[in-house]
Amino acid sequence: MFNLQGKVALVTGARRGMGRTHALALAGQGASLSPAGMDLFMTSISP
């Protein structure tokens, strides 16, 4: 589709729902993620 390597994506609400789906899609295209609004104890996003 497209290449986001070398780009950083700021994703709000990345813990669940649409935010999580968007974060996973952006990471799948090579973007580094900067998730915002996640719990302090949540350290990773896994499919």
C-alpha atoms as a PDB file:
ATOM      1  CA  MET A   1       0.000   0.000   0.000  1.00  0.00           C
ATOM      2  CA  PHE A   2       2.390   2.726   1.225  1.00  0.00           C
ATOM      3  CA  ASN A   3       5.572   2.966   3.265  1.00  0.00           C
ATOM      4  CA  LEU A   4       5.710   4.848   6.565  1.00  0.00           C
ATOM      5  CA  GLN A   5       9.234   3.815   7.559  1.00  0.00           C
ATOM      6  CA  GLY A   6      11.059   6.711   9.183  1.00  0.00           C
ATOM      7  CA  LYS A   7       7.754   8.339  10.183  1.00  0.00           C
ATOM      8  CA  VAL A   8       6.278   8.657  13.671  1.00  0.00           C
ATOM      9  CA  ALA A   9       2.531   8.325  14.218  1.00  0.00           C
ATOM     10  CA  LEU A  10       0.903   9.877  17.284  1.00  0.00           C
ATOM     11  CA  VAL A  11      -2.145   7.755  18.012  1.00  0.00           C
ATOM     12  CA  THR A  12      -4.629   8.719  20.714  1.00  0.00           C
ATOM     13  CA  GLY A  13      -6.780   6.015  22.268  1.00  0.00           C
ATOM     14  CA  ALA A  14      -4.401   3.285  21.063  1.00  0.00           C
ATOM     15  CA  ARG A  15      -5.362   0.939  23.860  1.00  0.00           C
ATOM     16  CA  ARG A  16      -8.592  -0.346  22.327  1.00  0.00           C
ATOM     17  CA  GLY A  17     -11.203   0.067  19.643  1.00  0.00           C
ATOM     18  CA  MET A  18     -10.542   2.195  16.590  1.00  0.00           C
ATOM     19  CA  GLY A  19      -7.396   3.753  18.059  1.00  0.00           C
ATOM     20  CA  ARG A  20      -5.868   0.302  18.502  1.00  0.00           C
ATOM     21  CA  THR A  21      -6.880  -0.701  14.992  1.00  0.00           C
ATOM     22  CA  HIS A  22      -5.313   2.447  13.539  1.00  0.00           C
ATOM     23  CA  ALA A  23      -2.136   1.984  15.584  1.00  0.00           C
ATOM     24  CA  LEU A  24      -1.728  -1.587  14.359  1.00  0.00           C
ATOM     25  CA  ALA A  25      -2.375  -0.549  10.733  1.00  0.00           C
ATOM     26  CA  LEU A  26       0.180   2.279  10.908  1.00  0.00           C
ATOM     27  CA  ALA A  27       2.757   0.013  12.549  1.00  0.00           C
ATOM     28  CA  GLY A  28       2.078  -2.575   9.857  1.00  0.00           C
ATOM     29  CA  GLN A  29       3.108   0.006   7.261  1.00  0.00           C
ATOM     30  CA  GLY A  30       6.383   0.673   9.092  1.00  0.00           C
ATOM     31  CA  ALA A  31       5.580   3.716  11.252  1.00  0.00           C
ATOM     32  CA  SER A  32       7.038   4.094  14.712  1.00  0.00           C
ATOM     33  CA  LEU A  33       4.249   4.634  17.208  1.00  0.00           C
ATOM     34  CA  SER A  34       3.855   7.219  19.910  1.00  0.00           C
ATOM     35  CA  PRO A  35       0.645   6.074  21.577  1.00  0.00           C
ATOM     36  CA  ALA A  36      -1.097   8.630  23.789  1.00  0.00           C
ATOM     37  CA  GLY A  37      -3.731   8.115  26.441  1.00  0.00           C
ATOM     38  CA  MET A  38      -2.661   4.620  27.409  1.00  0.00           C
ATOM     39  CA  ASP A  39      -2.469   3.229  30.941  1.00  0.00           C
ATOM     40  CA  LEU A  40       0.953   3.530  32.571  1.00  0.00           C
ATOM     41  CA  PHE A  41       1.088  -0.246  32.970  1.00  0.00           C
ATOM     42  CA  MET A  42       0.314  -0.910  29.301  1.00  0.00           C
ATOM     43  CA  THR A  43       3.731  -1.233  27.674  1.00  0.00           C
ATOM     44  CA  SER A  44       3.027  -2.829  24.309  1.00  0.00           C
ATOM     45  CA  ILE A  45       0.408  -3.237  21.628  1.00  0.00           C
ATOM     46  CA  SER A  46       0.037  -6.734  20.271  1.00  0.00           C
ATOM     47  CA  PRO A  47      -2.421  -8.088  17.721  1.00  0.00           C
END
